[in-house]
C-alpha atoms as a PDB file:
ATOM      1  CA  MET A   1       0.006  -0.015   0.009  1.00  0.00           C
ATOM      2  CA  ALA A   2       1.482   3.362  -1.021  1.00  0.00           C
ATOM      3  CA  GLN A   3       1.984   6.003   1.598  1.00  0.00           C
ATOM      4  CA  ALA A   4       0.188   9.310   1.137  1.00  0.00           C
ATOM      5  CA  GLU A   5       2.560  12.203   0.593  1.00  0.00           C
ATOM      6  CA  GLY A   6       3.404  13.823   3.906  1.00  0.00           C
ATOM      7  CA  ALA A   7       1.908  10.950   5.885  1.00  0.00           C
ATOM      8  CA  TYR A   8       3.698  10.091   9.091  1.00  0.00           C
ATOM      9  CA  HIS A   9       5.326   6.676   8.816  1.00  0.00           C
ATOM     10  CA  ARG A  10       6.245   4.641  11.864  1.00  0.00           C
ATOM     11  CA  PRO A  11       8.146   1.401  11.173  1.00  0.00           C
ATOM     12  CA  LEU A  12       6.153  -0.834  13.518  1.00  0.00           C
ATOM     13  CA  ALA A  13       2.800  -0.335  15.188  1.00  0.00           C
ATOM     14  CA  THR A  14       2.938  -1.796  18.651  1.00  0.00           C
ATOM     15  CA  SER A  15      -0.716  -2.704  18.939  1.00  0.00           C
ATOM     16  CA  ARG A  16      -3.653  -3.597  16.753  1.00  0.00           C
ATOM     17  CA  LEU A  17      -5.362  -0.382  17.834  1.00  0.00           C
ATOM     18  CA  GLU A  18      -2.398   1.728  16.677  1.00  0.00           C
ATOM     19  CA  LEU A  19      -2.186  -0.186  13.420  1.00  0.00           C
ATOM     20  CA  ASN A  20      -5.895   0.410  12.767  1.00  0.00           C
ATOM     21  CA  LEU A  21      -5.512   4.094  13.680  1.00  0.00           C
ATOM     22  CA  VAL A  22      -2.631   4.547  11.217  1.00  0.00           C
ATOM     23  CA  ARG A  23      -4.522   2.756   8.446  1.00  0.00           C
ATOM     24  CA  LEU A  24      -7.681   4.796   8.964  1.00  0.00           C
ATOM     25  CA  LEU A  25      -5.696   8.004   9.225  1.00  0.00           C
ATOM     26  CA  CYS A  26      -4.047   7.269   5.871  1.00  0.00           C
ATOM     27  CA  ARG A  27      -7.457   6.562   4.349  1.00  0.00           C
ATOM     28  CA  CYS A  28      -8.888   9.807   5.724  1.00  0.00           C
ATOM     29  CA  GLU A  29      -5.991  11.778   4.331  1.00  0.00           C
ATOM     30  CA  SER A  30      -6.564  10.362   0.864  1.00  0.00           C
ATOM     31  CA  MET A  31     -10.341  10.936   1.090  1.00  0.00           C
ATOM     32  CA  ALA A  32      -9.747  14.553   2.162  1.00  0.00           C
ATOM     33  CA  ALA A  33      -7.481  15.064  -0.865  1.00  0.00           C
ATOM     34  CA  GLU A  34     -10.131  13.724  -3.286  1.00  0.00           C
ATOM     35  CA  LYS A  35     -13.091  15.629  -4.589  1.00  0.00           C
ATOM     36  CA  ARG A  36     -16.173  14.146  -2.994  1.00  0.00           C
ATOM     37  CA  GLU A  37     -19.930  14.459  -3.116  1.00  0.00           C
ATOM     38  CA  PRO A  38     -21.623  16.897  -0.674  1.00  0.00           C
ATOM     39  CA  ASP A  39     -23.746  14.095   0.792  1.00  0.00           C
ATOM     40  CA  GLU A  40     -20.696  11.886   1.447  1.00  0.00           C
ATOM     41  CA  TRP A  41     -20.818  11.029   5.150  1.00  0.00           C
ATOM     42  CA  ARG A  42     -17.879   8.617   5.488  1.00  0.00           C
ATOM     43  CA  LEU A  43     -15.083  11.082   6.133  1.00  0.00           C
ATOM     44  CA  GLU A  44     -16.947  12.730   9.026  1.00  0.00           C
ATOM     45  CA  LYS A  45     -17.658   9.320  10.594  1.00  0.00           C
ATOM     46  CA  TYR A  46     -14.062   8.144  10.030  1.00  0.00           C
ATOM     47  CA  VAL A  47     -12.684  11.257  11.747  1.00  0.00           C
ATOM     48  CA  GLY A  48     -14.949  10.599  14.706  1.00  0.00           C
ATOM     49  CA  ALA A  49     -13.674   7.049  14.887  1.00  0.00           C
ATOM     50  CA  LEU A  50     -10.088   8.342  14.719  1.00  0.00           C
ATOM     51  CA  GLU A  51     -10.766  10.607  17.709  1.00  0.00           C
ATOM     52  CA  ASP A  52     -12.143   7.667  19.691  1.00  0.00           C
ATOM     53  CA  MET A  53      -9.182   5.472  18.727  1.00  0.00           C
ATOM     54  CA  LEU A  54      -6.706   8.183  19.693  1.00  0.00           C
ATOM     55  CA  GLN A  55      -8.291   8.557  23.116  1.00  0.00           C
ATOM     56  CA  ALA A  56      -8.155   4.775  23.631  1.00  0.00           C
ATOM     57  CA  LEU A  57      -4.530   4.731  22.514  1.00  0.00           C
ATOM     58  CA  LYS A  58      -3.602   7.398  25.095  1.00  0.00           C
ATOM     59  CA  VAL A  59      -4.777   5.266  27.985  1.00  0.00           C
ATOM     60  CA  GLN A  60      -3.468   1.968  26.682  1.00  0.00           C
ATOM     61  CA  ALA A  61      -0.765   0.303  28.808  1.00  0.00           C
ATOM     62  CA  SER A  62       1.589  -0.094  25.831  1.00  0.00           C
ATOM     63  CA  LYS A  63       0.947   3.361  24.391  1.00  0.00           C
ATOM     64  CA  PRO A  64       3.391   4.945  21.941  1.00  0.00           C
ATOM     65  CA  ALA A  65       5.715   7.824  22.864  1.00  0.00           C
ATOM     66  CA  SER A  66       4.096  11.189  23.488  1.00  0.00           C
ATOM     67  CA  GLU A  67       5.737  12.613  20.329  1.00  0.00           C
ATOM     68  CA  VAL A  68       4.036   9.909  18.247  1.00  0.00           C
ATOM     69  CA  ILE A  69       0.651  10.609  19.830  1.00  0.00           C
ATOM     70  CA  SER A  70       1.169  14.324  19.176  1.00  0.00           C
ATOM     71  CA  GLU A  71       1.914  13.571  15.528  1.00  0.00           C
ATOM     72  CA  TYR A  72      -1.278  11.496  15.225  1.00  0.00           C
ATOM     73  CA  SER A  73      -3.247  14.350  16.859  1.00  0.00           C
ATOM     74  CA  ARG A  74      -2.234  17.048  14.445  1.00  0.00           C
END
């Protein structure tokens, strides 16, 4: 799978949650770059899911470094 230009790349995701977050983040970035229909609802729902996943990742026992979490948050 090709990386979106400017996407943050981390060599190994330490958890399934982080892996899913990175994959969904990449998908959202590509959707945001595309022209889409006004009634397209997926991007908004995906961003909401990303926010939930990021919050769950912050409290996870094996959470990534704070710099990585900050990068995901931007």
